[in-house]
């Protein structure tokens, strides 16, 4: 534990205090060879707006961690529920179409008359 150095805090020209470990590094002299920055951009970085707002408002890091963990989990659960409901709606539409088709074909004149009556009633409601 003796090799841990204390955190350095510096005062900026505007009077505010900040930690010295994240200040910009001192640039090399102009005579040095310019540094080539090679970046691999695979995807957009995650949006950290909520985390920054949460940490800025003083709620703890545990709350932010819970939001980071449960946020995507909630989106996944809601997506699964929506997909299941869409599948059930499609299945219900196919079953209703099948029943109507069977009633029309097997019912003979009574089935066709019932289908016409339903079609007329549906048109009147519009």
Foldseek 3Di string as FASTA:
>chain_A
DVPDDDWDWDADPVGDIDTPPPDDDDDDDPVDDDDDDDDDQDDDDDDCVVVVVCVVVPDDPVVVVCCVVVVVVVVVVVVVVVVVVVVVVVVVVVVVVVVLVCLCVPVPPVSVVVVVVVVVVVVVVD
